[in-house]
Amino acid sequence: MSSDGPLTLCCLLWATPGNEADLSAYEDTVLELLVGHGAKIVQRAVSDGADGRPHEVQFYRFGSQADLDGYLTDPRRTALAAERDRVVARTELFPVTLREG
């Protein structure tokens, strides 16, 4: 991912078995850090994860690639790596363009 300007991302998250609530709690914690990196949560949704669907779907907007890089390397976030590994089975993160309607 490379961008000189704003970027909007979609993040799909799958919980490790039995840790769906813990995944959401972990995300509550790390998503609080976004604002300090020039980002905004556009939408966050939770599903039941049935039939292989992700347990969470998130859309957020960063002002720049540098802002995203700062968030991803934030020591407060990286300090939670063990918890992330415990509760997150899989993540997919990719740029998107949001449309109305």
PDB file of N, CA and C in Angstrom:
ATOM      1  N   MET A   1       0.847  -1.177   0.000  1.00  0.00           N
ATOM      2  CA  MET A   1       0.000   0.000   0.000  1.00  0.00           C
ATOM      3  C   MET A   1       0.886   1.231   0.000  1.00  0.00           C
ATOM      4  N   SER A   2       0.676   2.108  -0.920  1.00  0.00           N
ATOM      5  CA  SER A   2       1.453   3.328  -0.996  1.00  0.00           C
ATOM      6  C   SER A   2       0.538   4.449  -1.449  1.00  0.00           C
ATOM      7  N   SER A   3       0.602   5.567  -0.740  1.00  0.00           N
ATOM      8  CA  SER A   3      -0.255   6.687  -1.072  1.00  0.00           C
ATOM      9  C   SER A   3       0.351   7.958  -0.525  1.00  0.00           C
ATOM     10  N   ASP A   4       0.267   9.023  -1.299  1.00  0.00           N
ATOM     11  CA  ASP A   4       0.736  10.315  -0.826  1.00  0.00           C
ATOM     12  C   ASP A   4      -0.366  11.072  -0.112  1.00  0.00           C
ATOM     13  N   GLY A   5      -1.619  10.681  -0.327  1.00  0.00           N
ATOM     14  CA  GLY A   5      -2.742  11.383   0.268  1.00  0.00           C
ATOM     15  C   GLY A   5      -3.556  10.467   1.141  1.00  0.00           C
ATOM     16  N   PRO A   6      -4.781  10.891   1.417  1.00  0.00           N
ATOM     17  CA  PRO A   6      -5.656  10.090   2.276  1.00  0.00           C
ATOM     18  C   PRO A   6      -5.898   8.695   1.703  1.00  0.00           C
ATOM     19  N   LEU A   7      -6.058   7.730   2.601  1.00  0.00           N
ATOM     20  CA  LEU A   7      -6.404   6.389   2.165  1.00  0.00           C
ATOM     21  C   LEU A   7      -7.460   5.803   3.086  1.00  0.00           C
ATOM     22  N   THR A   8      -8.382   5.078   2.474  1.00  0.00           N
ATOM     23  CA  THR A   8      -9.448   4.411   3.203  1.00  0.00           C
ATOM     24  C   THR A   8      -9.177   2.918   3.117  1.00  0.00           C
ATOM     25  N   LEU A   9      -9.264   2.260   4.255  1.00  0.00           N
ATOM     26  CA  LEU A   9      -8.937   0.836   4.336  1.00  0.00           C
ATOM     27  C   LEU A   9     -10.124   0.042   4.865  1.00  0.00           C
ATOM     28  N   CYS A  10     -10.207  -1.196   4.410  1.00  0.00           N
ATOM     29  CA  CYS A  10     -11.142  -2.169   4.956  1.00  0.00           C
ATOM     30  C   CYS A  10     -10.308  -3.213   5.679  1.00  0.00           C
ATOM     31  N   CYS A  11     -10.719  -3.554   6.875  1.00  0.00           N
ATOM     32  CA  CYS A  11     -10.030  -4.572   7.655  1.00  0.00           C
ATOM     33  C   CYS A  11     -11.040  -5.660   8.016  1.00  0.00           C
ATOM     34  N   LEU A  12     -10.722  -6.896   7.625  1.00  0.00           N
ATOM     35  CA  LEU A  12     -11.532  -8.057   7.969  1.00  0.00           C
ATOM     36  C   LEU A  12     -10.787  -8.843   9.027  1.00  0.00           C
ATOM     37  N   LEU A  13     -11.478  -9.227  10.086  1.00  0.00           N
ATOM     38  CA  LEU A  13     -10.847  -9.920  11.216  1.00  0.00           C
ATOM     39  C   LEU A  13     -11.617 -11.176  11.584  1.00  0.00           C
ATOM     40  N   TRP A  14     -10.886 -12.266  11.745  1.00  0.00           N
ATOM     41  CA  TRP A  14     -11.451 -13.527  12.200  1.00  0.00           C
ATOM     42  C   TRP A  14     -10.863 -13.846  13.565  1.00  0.00           C
ATOM     43  N   ALA A  15     -11.714 -14.221  14.512  1.00  0.00           N
ATOM     44  CA  ALA A  15     -11.271 -14.562  15.864  1.00  0.00           C
ATOM     45  C   ALA A  15     -10.770 -15.997  15.933  1.00  0.00           C
ATOM     46  N   THR A  16      -9.858 -16.237  16.854  1.00  0.00           N
ATOM     47  CA  THR A  16      -9.500 -17.614  17.148  1.00  0.00           C
ATOM     48  C   THR A  16     -10.707 -18.247  17.843  1.00  0.00           C
ATOM     49  N   PRO A  17     -10.913 -19.548  17.677  1.00  0.00           N
ATOM     50  CA  PRO A  17     -12.110 -20.195  18.225  1.00  0.00           C
ATOM     51  C   PRO A  17     -12.311 -19.903  19.720  1.00  0.00           C
ATOM     52  N   GLY A  18     -13.526 -19.450  20.021  1.00  0.00           N
ATOM     53  CA  GLY A  18     -13.904 -19.158  21.397  1.00  0.00           C
ATOM     54  C   GLY A  18     -13.469 -17.798  21.903  1.00  0.00           C
ATOM     55  N   ASN A  19     -12.785 -17.011  21.069  1.00  0.00           N
ATOM     56  CA  ASN A  19     -12.270 -15.714  21.519  1.00  0.00           C
ATOM     57  C   ASN A  19     -12.910 -14.528  20.797  1.00  0.00           C
ATOM     58  N   GLU A  20     -14.140 -14.693  20.369  1.00  0.00           N
ATOM     59  CA  GLU A  20     -14.822 -13.631  19.635  1.00  0.00           C
ATOM     60  C   GLU A  20     -14.964 -12.365  20.476  1.00  0.00           C
ATOM     61  N   ALA A  21     -15.389 -12.497  21.722  1.00  0.00           N
ATOM     62  CA  ALA A  21     -15.531 -11.324  22.594  1.00  0.00           C
ATOM     63  C   ALA A  21     -14.171 -10.702  22.896  1.00  0.00           C
ATOM     64  N   ASP A  22     -13.155 -11.534  23.061  1.00  0.00           N
ATOM     65  CA  ASP A  22     -11.814 -11.022  23.328  1.00  0.00           C
ATOM     66  C   ASP A  22     -11.246 -10.290  22.119  1.00  0.00           C
ATOM     67  N   LEU A  23     -11.578 -10.751  20.908  1.00  0.00           N
ATOM     68  CA  LEU A  23     -11.160 -10.042  19.703  1.00  0.00           C
ATOM     69  C   LEU A  23     -11.756  -8.639  19.712  1.00  0.00           C
ATOM     70  N   SER A  24     -13.030  -8.520  20.002  1.00  0.00           N
ATOM     71  CA  SER A  24     -13.667  -7.202  20.037  1.00  0.00           C
ATOM     72  C   SER A  24     -13.059  -6.317  21.126  1.00  0.00           C
ATOM     73  N   ALA A  25     -12.748  -6.898  22.265  1.00  0.00           N
ATOM     74  CA  ALA A  25     -12.119  -6.122  23.346  1.00  0.00           C
ATOM     75  C   ALA A  25     -10.728  -5.641  22.933  1.00  0.00           C
ATOM     76  N   TYR A  26      -9.964  -6.503  22.274  1.00  0.00           N
ATOM     77  CA  TYR A  26      -8.647  -6.113  21.775  1.00  0.00           C
ATOM     78  C   TYR A  26      -8.792  -4.966  20.772  1.00  0.00           C
ATOM     79  N   GLU A  27      -9.734  -5.094  19.851  1.00  0.00           N
ATOM     80  CA  GLU A  27      -9.947  -4.046  18.856  1.00  0.00           C
ATOM     81  C   GLU A  27     -10.402  -2.746  19.503  1.00  0.00           C
ATOM     82  N   ASP A  28     -11.242  -2.814  20.542  1.00  0.00           N
ATOM     83  CA  ASP A  28     -11.630  -1.604  21.274  1.00  0.00           C
ATOM     84  C   ASP A  28     -10.380  -0.858  21.741  1.00  0.00           C
ATOM     85  N   THR A  29      -9.410  -1.605  22.241  1.00  0.00           N
ATOM     86  CA  THR A  29      -8.181  -1.011  22.783  1.00  0.00           C
ATOM     87  C   THR A  29      -7.322  -0.392  21.690  1.00  0.00           C
ATOM     88  N   VAL A  30      -7.022  -1.153  20.645  1.00  0.00           N
ATOM     89  CA  VAL A  30      -6.098  -0.632  19.633  1.00  0.00           C
ATOM     90  C   VAL A  30      -6.733   0.430  18.739  1.00  0.00           C
ATOM     91  N   LEU A  31      -8.028   0.356  18.511  1.00  0.00           N
ATOM     92  CA  LEU A  31      -8.667   1.355  17.662  1.00  0.00           C
ATOM     93  C   LEU A  31      -8.710   2.726  18.336  1.00  0.00           C
ATOM     94  N   GLU A  32      -8.624   2.772  19.661  1.00  0.00           N
ATOM     95  CA  GLU A  32      -8.541   4.054  20.362  1.00  0.00           C
ATOM     96  C   GLU A  32      -7.281   4.820  19.964  1.00  0.00           C
ATOM     97  N   LEU A  33      -6.256   4.107  19.508  1.00  0.00           N
ATOM     98  CA  LEU A  33      -4.996   4.734  19.120  1.00  0.00           C
ATOM     99  C   LEU A  33      -5.067   5.419  17.761  1.00  0.00           C
ATOM    100  N   LEU A  34      -6.064   5.094  16.950  1.00  0.00           N
ATOM    101  CA  LEU A  34      -6.160   5.637  15.594  1.00  0.00           C
ATOM    102  C   LEU A  34      -6.170   7.161  15.558  1.00  0.00           C
ATOM    103  N   VAL A  35      -6.948   7.765  16.432  1.00  0.00           N
ATOM    104  CA  VAL A  35      -7.113   9.215  16.412  1.00  0.00           C
ATOM    105  C   VAL A  35      -5.772   9.936  16.534  1.00  0.00           C
ATOM    106  N   GLY A  36      -4.884   9.412  17.358  1.00  0.00           N
ATOM    107  CA  GLY A  36      -3.575  10.014  17.536  1.00  0.00           C
ATOM    108  C   GLY A  36      -2.689   9.892  16.312  1.00  0.00           C
ATOM    109  N   HIS A  37      -3.139   9.135  15.322  1.00  0.00           N
ATOM    110  CA  HIS A  37      -2.377   8.957  14.086  1.00  0.00           C
ATOM    111  C   HIS A  37      -3.136   9.521  12.884  1.00  0.00           C
ATOM    112  N   GLY A  38      -3.992  10.491  13.143  1.00  0.00           N
ATOM    113  CA  GLY A  38      -4.689  11.167  12.055  1.00  0.00           C
ATOM    114  C   GLY A  38      -5.727  10.332  11.352  1.00  0.00           C
ATOM    115  N   ALA A  39      -6.267   9.327  12.027  1.00  0.00           N
ATOM    116  CA  ALA A  39      -7.236   8.435  11.393  1.00  0.00           C
ATOM    117  C   ALA A  39      -8.616   8.584  12.021  1.00  0.00           C
ATOM    118  N   LYS A  40      -9.586   8.089  11.288  1.00  0.00           N
ATOM    119  CA  LYS A  40     -10.973   8.106  11.749  1.00  0.00           C
ATOM    120  C   LYS A  40     -11.602   6.761  11.437  1.00  0.00           C
ATOM    121  N   ILE A  41     -12.326   6.206  12.387  1.00  0.00           N
ATOM    122  CA  ILE A  41     -13.111   4.992  12.131  1.00  0.00           C
ATOM    123  C   ILE A  41     -14.361   5.429  11.388  1.00  0.00           C
ATOM    124  N   VAL A  42     -14.543   4.913  10.193  1.00  0.00           N
ATOM    125  CA  VAL A  42     -15.709   5.242   9.385  1.00  0.00           C
ATOM    126  C   VAL A  42     -16.872   4.350   9.792  1.00  0.00           C
ATOM    127  N   GLN A  43     -16.604   3.051   9.939  1.00  0.00           N
ATOM    128  CA  GLN A  43     -17.645   2.090  10.320  1.00  0.00           C
ATOM    129  C   GLN A  43     -16.985   0.852  10.907  1.00  0.00           C
ATOM    130  N   ARG A  44     -17.658   0.274  11.870  1.00  0.00           N
ATOM    131  CA  ARG A  44     -17.201  -0.978  12.483  1.00  0.00           C
ATOM    132  C   ARG A  44     -18.425  -1.861  12.655  1.00  0.00           C
ATOM    133  N   ALA A  45     -18.330  -3.095  12.155  1.00  0.00           N
ATOM    134  CA  ALA A  45     -19.461  -4.017  12.233  1.00  0.00           C
ATOM    135  C   ALA A  45     -18.992  -5.362  12.771  1.00  0.00           C
ATOM    136  N   VAL A  46     -19.882  -6.046  13.471  1.00  0.00           N
ATOM    137  CA  VAL A  46     -19.588  -7.348  14.063  1.00  0.00           C
ATOM    138  C   VAL A  46     -20.555  -8.362  13.471  1.00  0.00           C
ATOM    139  N   SER A  47     -20.040  -9.545  13.135  1.00  0.00           N
ATOM    140  CA  SER A  47     -20.907 -10.611  12.636  1.00  0.00           C
ATOM    141  C   SER A  47     -20.762 -11.835  13.536  1.00  0.00           C
ATOM    142  N   ASP A  48     -21.532 -12.861  13.227  1.00  0.00           N
ATOM    143  CA  ASP A  48     -21.458 -14.090  14.018  1.00  0.00           C
ATOM    144  C   ASP A  48     -20.319 -14.994  13.579  1.00  0.00           C
ATOM    145  N   GLY A  49     -19.672 -14.662  12.473  1.00  0.00           N
ATOM    146  CA  GLY A  49     -18.552 -15.465  11.999  1.00  0.00           C
ATOM    147  C   GLY A  49     -18.948 -16.788  11.366  1.00  0.00           C
ATOM    148  N   ALA A  50     -20.247 -17.011  11.206  1.00  0.00           N
ATOM    149  CA  ALA A  50     -20.714 -18.284  10.637  1.00  0.00           C
ATOM    150  C   ALA A  50     -20.267 -18.434   9.189  1.00  0.00           C
ATOM    151  N   ASP A  51     -20.101 -19.672   8.770  1.00  0.00           N
ATOM    152  CA  ASP A  51     -19.771 -20.007   7.385  1.00  0.00           C
ATOM    153  C   ASP A  51     -18.501 -19.323   6.895  1.00  0.00           C
ATOM    154  N   GLY A  52     -17.547 -19.102   7.789  1.00  0.00           N
ATOM    155  CA  GLY A  52     -16.272 -18.528   7.411  1.00  0.00           C
ATOM    156  C   GLY A  52     -16.243 -17.023   7.277  1.00  0.00           C
ATOM    157  N   ARG A  53     -17.367 -16.368   7.614  1.00  0.00           N
ATOM    158  CA  ARG A  53     -17.396 -14.906   7.543  1.00  0.00           C
ATOM    159  C   ARG A  53     -16.500 -14.315   8.628  1.00  0.00           C
ATOM    160  N   PRO A  54     -15.951 -13.110   8.391  1.00  0.00           N
ATOM    161  CA  PRO A  54     -15.152 -12.468   9.440  1.00  0.00           C
ATOM    162  C   PRO A  54     -16.023 -12.092  10.636  1.00  0.00           C
ATOM    163  N   HIS A  55     -15.408 -12.039  11.804  1.00  0.00           N
ATOM    164  CA  HIS A  55     -16.126 -11.638  13.020  1.00  0.00           C
ATOM    165  C   HIS A  55     -16.267 -10.122  13.114  1.00  0.00           C
ATOM    166  N   GLU A  56     -15.323  -9.394  12.519  1.00  0.00           N
ATOM    167  CA  GLU A  56     -15.414  -7.929  12.478  1.00  0.00           C
ATOM    168  C   GLU A  56     -15.025  -7.438  11.103  1.00  0.00           C
ATOM    169  N   VAL A  57     -15.698  -6.367  10.686  1.00  0.00           N
ATOM    170  CA  VAL A  57     -15.377  -5.645   9.460  1.00  0.00           C
ATOM    171  C   VAL A  57     -15.254  -4.183   9.857  1.00  0.00           C
ATOM    172  N   GLN A  58     -14.129  -3.578   9.509  1.00  0.00           N
ATOM    173  CA  GLN A  58     -13.875  -2.188   9.889  1.00  0.00           C
ATOM    174  C   GLN A  58     -13.472  -1.396   8.654  1.00  0.00           C
ATOM    175  N   PHE A  59     -13.917  -0.148   8.618  1.00  0.00           N
ATOM    176  CA  PHE A  59     -13.468   0.799   7.601  1.00  0.00           C
ATOM    177  C   PHE A  59     -12.886   1.987   8.339  1.00  0.00           C
ATOM    178  N   TYR A  60     -11.696   2.394   7.945  1.00  0.00           N
ATOM    179  CA  TYR A  60     -11.122   3.602   8.526  1.00  0.00           C
ATOM    180  C   TYR A  60     -10.352   4.380   7.487  1.00  0.00           C
ATOM    181  N   ARG A  61     -10.173   5.667   7.798  1.00  0.00           N
ATOM    182  CA  ARG A  61      -9.519   6.586   6.876  1.00  0.00           C
ATOM    183  C   ARG A  61      -8.306   7.190   7.568  1.00  0.00           C
ATOM    184  N   PHE A  62      -7.174   7.100   6.873  1.00  0.00           N
ATOM    185  CA  PHE A  62      -5.933   7.713   7.334  1.00  0.00           C
ATOM    186  C   PHE A  62      -5.612   8.897   6.436  1.00  0.00           C
ATOM    187  N   GLY A  63      -4.963   9.912   6.992  1.00  0.00           N
ATOM    188  CA  GLY A  63      -4.585  11.085   6.216  1.00  0.00           C
ATOM    189  C   GLY A  63      -3.487  10.799   5.206  1.00  0.00           C
ATOM    190  N   SER A  64      -2.661   9.801   5.511  1.00  0.00           N
ATOM    191  CA  SER A  64      -1.538   9.477   4.625  1.00  0.00           C
ATOM    192  C   SER A  64      -0.992   8.094   4.964  1.00  0.00           C
ATOM    193  N   GLN A  65      -0.143   7.594   4.098  1.00  0.00           N
ATOM    194  CA  GLN A  65       0.543   6.328   4.363  1.00  0.00           C
ATOM    195  C   GLN A  65       1.410   6.448   5.610  1.00  0.00           C
ATOM    196  N   ALA A  66       2.016   7.609   5.810  1.00  0.00           N
ATOM    197  CA  ALA A  66       2.854   7.827   6.997  1.00  0.00           C
ATOM    198  C   ALA A  66       2.025   7.701   8.275  1.00  0.00           C
ATOM    199  N   ASP A  67       0.789   8.192   8.248  1.00  0.00           N
ATOM    200  CA  ASP A  67      -0.092   8.051   9.418  1.00  0.00           C
ATOM    201  C   ASP A  67      -0.386   6.579   9.698  1.00  0.00           C
ATOM    202  N   LEU A  68      -0.675   5.814   8.639  1.00  0.00           N
ATOM    203  CA  LEU A  68      -0.915   4.378   8.806  1.00  0.00           C
ATOM    204  C   LEU A  68       0.332   3.691   9.353  1.00  0.00           C
ATOM    205  N   ASP A  69       1.480   3.992   8.781  1.00  0.00           N
ATOM    206  CA  ASP A  69       2.726   3.385   9.250  1.00  0.00           C
ATOM    207  C   ASP A  69       2.973   3.703  10.721  1.00  0.00           C
ATOM    208  N   GLY A  70       2.676   4.937  11.122  1.00  0.00           N
ATOM    209  CA  GLY A  70       2.831   5.322  12.532  1.00  0.00           C
ATOM    210  C   GLY A  70       1.926   4.521  13.448  1.00  0.00           C
ATOM    211  N   TYR A  71       0.692   4.288  13.011  1.00  0.00           N
ATOM    212  CA  TYR A  71      -0.239   3.474  13.794  1.00  0.00           C
ATOM    213  C   TYR A  71       0.254   2.034  13.906  1.00  0.00           C
ATOM    214  N   LEU A  72       0.673   1.472  12.772  1.00  0.00           N
ATOM    215  CA  LEU A  72       1.098   0.068  12.774  1.00  0.00           C
ATOM    216  C   LEU A  72       2.333  -0.166  13.635  1.00  0.00           C
ATOM    217  N   THR A  73       3.180   0.841  13.792  1.00  0.00           N
ATOM    218  CA  THR A  73       4.404   0.696  14.591  1.00  0.00           C
ATOM    219  C   THR A  73       4.307   1.361  15.964  1.00  0.00           C
ATOM    220  N   ASP A  74       3.137   1.856  16.324  1.00  0.00           N
ATOM    221  CA  ASP A  74       2.943   2.494  17.631  1.00  0.00           C
ATOM    222  C   ASP A  74       3.323   1.497  18.729  1.00  0.00           C
ATOM    223  N   PRO A  75       4.245   1.866  19.621  1.00  0.00           N
ATOM    224  CA  PRO A  75       4.677   0.941  20.678  1.00  0.00           C
ATOM    225  C   PRO A  75       3.539   0.463  21.583  1.00  0.00           C
ATOM    226  N   ARG A  76       2.515   1.285  21.758  1.00  0.00           N
ATOM    227  CA  ARG A  76       1.364   0.858  22.581  1.00  0.00           C
ATOM    228  C   ARG A  76       0.613  -0.269  21.877  1.00  0.00           C
ATOM    229  N   ARG A  77       0.580  -0.230  20.541  1.00  0.00           N
ATOM    230  CA  ARG A  77      -0.075  -1.288  19.767  1.00  0.00           C
ATOM    231  C   ARG A  77       0.807  -2.530  19.708  1.00  0.00           C
ATOM    232  N   THR A  78       2.083  -2.358  19.409  1.00  0.00           N
ATOM    233  CA  THR A  78       2.963  -3.517  19.275  1.00  0.00           C
ATOM    234  C   THR A  78       3.167  -4.234  20.611  1.00  0.00           C
ATOM    235  N   ALA A  79       3.003  -3.512  21.726  1.00  0.00           N
ATOM    236  CA  ALA A  79       3.112  -4.146  23.048  1.00  0.00           C
ATOM    237  C   ALA A  79       1.996  -5.170  23.276  1.00  0.00           C
ATOM    238  N   LEU A  80       0.940  -5.076  22.488  1.00  0.00           N
ATOM    239  CA  LEU A  80      -0.200  -5.992  22.628  1.00  0.00           C
ATOM    240  C   LEU A  80      -0.131  -7.159  21.640  1.00  0.00           C
ATOM    241  N   ALA A  81       1.028  -7.385  21.042  1.00  0.00           N
ATOM    242  CA  ALA A  81       1.170  -8.428  20.017  1.00  0.00           C
ATOM    243  C   ALA A  81       0.777  -9.813  20.528  1.00  0.00           C
ATOM    244  N   ALA A  82       1.141 -10.147  21.748  1.00  0.00           N
ATOM    245  CA  ALA A  82       0.799 -11.474  22.278  1.00  0.00           C
ATOM    246  C   ALA A  82      -0.718 -11.635  22.399  1.00  0.00           C
ATOM    247  N   GLU A  83      -1.396 -10.585  22.841  1.00  0.00           N
ATOM    248  CA  GLU A  83      -2.862 -10.646  22.944  1.00  0.00           C
ATOM    249  C   GLU A  83      -3.475 -10.753  21.551  1.00  0.00           C
ATOM    250  N   ARG A  84      -2.934 -10.011  20.619  1.00  0.00           N
ATOM    251  CA  ARG A  84      -3.421 -10.084  19.244  1.00  0.00           C
ATOM    252  C   ARG A  84      -3.271 -11.509  18.700  1.00  0.00           C
ATOM    253  N   ASP A  85      -2.111 -12.099  18.903  1.00  0.00           N
ATOM    254  CA  ASP A  85      -1.879 -13.463  18.429  1.00  0.00           C
ATOM    255  C   ASP A  85      -2.835 -14.466  19.082  1.00  0.00           C
ATOM    256  N   ARG A  86      -3.218 -14.197  20.323  1.00  0.00           N
ATOM    257  CA  ARG A  86      -4.124 -15.095  21.037  1.00  0.00           C
ATOM    258  C   ARG A  86      -5.548 -15.019  20.501  1.00  0.00           C
ATOM    259  N   VAL A  87      -6.001 -13.815  20.112  1.00  0.00           N
ATOM    260  CA  VAL A  87      -7.419 -13.635  19.785  1.00  0.00           C
ATOM    261  C   VAL A  87      -7.719 -13.482  18.301  1.00  0.00           C
ATOM    262  N   VAL A  88      -6.718 -13.152  17.488  1.00  0.00           N
ATOM    263  CA  VAL A  88      -6.944 -12.917  16.057  1.00  0.00           C
ATOM    264  C   VAL A  88      -6.347 -14.071  15.258  1.00  0.00           C
ATOM    265  N   ALA A  89      -7.206 -14.803  14.576  1.00  0.00           N
ATOM    266  CA  ALA A  89      -6.750 -15.921  13.746  1.00  0.00           C
ATOM    267  C   ALA A  89      -6.272 -15.441  12.380  1.00  0.00           C
ATOM    268  N   ARG A  90      -6.933 -14.406  11.858  1.00  0.00           N
ATOM    269  CA  ARG A  90      -6.633 -13.957  10.496  1.00  0.00           C
ATOM    270  C   ARG A  90      -7.074 -12.516  10.325  1.00  0.00           C
ATOM    271  N   THR A  91      -6.304 -11.769   9.545  1.00  0.00           N
ATOM    272  CA  THR A  91      -6.627 -10.382   9.226  1.00  0.00           C
ATOM    273  C   THR A  91      -6.399 -10.156   7.738  1.00  0.00           C
ATOM    274  N   GLU A  92      -7.304  -9.439   7.118  1.00  0.00           N
ATOM    275  CA  GLU A  92      -7.100  -8.965   5.756  1.00  0.00           C
ATOM    276  C   GLU A  92      -7.299  -7.458   5.767  1.00  0.00           C
ATOM    277  N   LEU A  93      -6.319  -6.728   5.265  1.00  0.00           N
ATOM    278  CA  LEU A  93      -6.355  -5.268   5.226  1.00  0.00           C
ATOM    279  C   LEU A  93      -6.068  -4.827   3.791  1.00  0.00           C
ATOM    280  N   PHE A  94      -6.972  -3.999   3.244  1.00  0.00           N
ATOM    281  CA  PHE A  94      -6.786  -3.587   1.861  1.00  0.00           C
ATOM    282  C   PHE A  94      -7.449  -2.229   1.639  1.00  0.00           C
ATOM    283  N   PRO A  95      -6.928  -1.447   0.673  1.00  0.00           N
ATOM    284  CA  PRO A  95      -7.509  -0.139   0.379  1.00  0.00           C
ATOM    285  C   PRO A  95      -8.834  -0.287  -0.373  1.00  0.00           C
ATOM    286  N   VAL A  96      -9.751   0.621  -0.106  1.00  0.00           N
ATOM    287  CA  VAL A  96     -11.053   0.629  -0.753  1.00  0.00           C
ATOM    288  C   VAL A  96     -11.449   2.066  -1.091  1.00  0.00           C
ATOM    289  N   THR A  97     -12.464   2.181  -1.943  1.00  0.00           N
ATOM    290  CA  THR A  97     -13.123   3.442  -2.208  1.00  0.00           C
ATOM    291  C   THR A  97     -14.560   3.273  -1.761  1.00  0.00           C
ATOM    292  N   LEU A  98     -15.015   4.115  -0.857  1.00  0.00           N
ATOM    293  CA  LEU A  98     -16.396   4.033  -0.371  1.00  0.00           C
ATOM    294  C   LEU A  98     -17.336   4.767  -1.314  1.00  0.00           C
ATOM    295  N   ARG A  99     -18.484   4.185  -1.513  1.00  0.00           N
ATOM    296  CA  ARG A  99     -19.520   4.793  -2.370  1.00  0.00           C
ATOM    297  C   ARG A  99     -20.808   4.892  -1.582  1.00  0.00           C
ATOM    298  N   GLU A 100     -21.567   5.895  -1.877  1.00  0.00           N
ATOM    299  CA  GLU A 100     -22.893   6.051  -1.273  1.00  0.00           C
ATOM    300  C   GLU A 100     -23.905   5.237  -2.057  1.00  0.00           C
ATOM    301  N   GLY A 101     -24.898   4.695  -1.333  1.00  0.00           N
ATOM    302  CA  GLY A 101     -26.016   4.021  -1.991  1.00  0.00           C
ATOM    303  C   GLY A 101     -25.725   2.707  -2.434  1.00  0.00           C
TER     304      GLY A 101
END
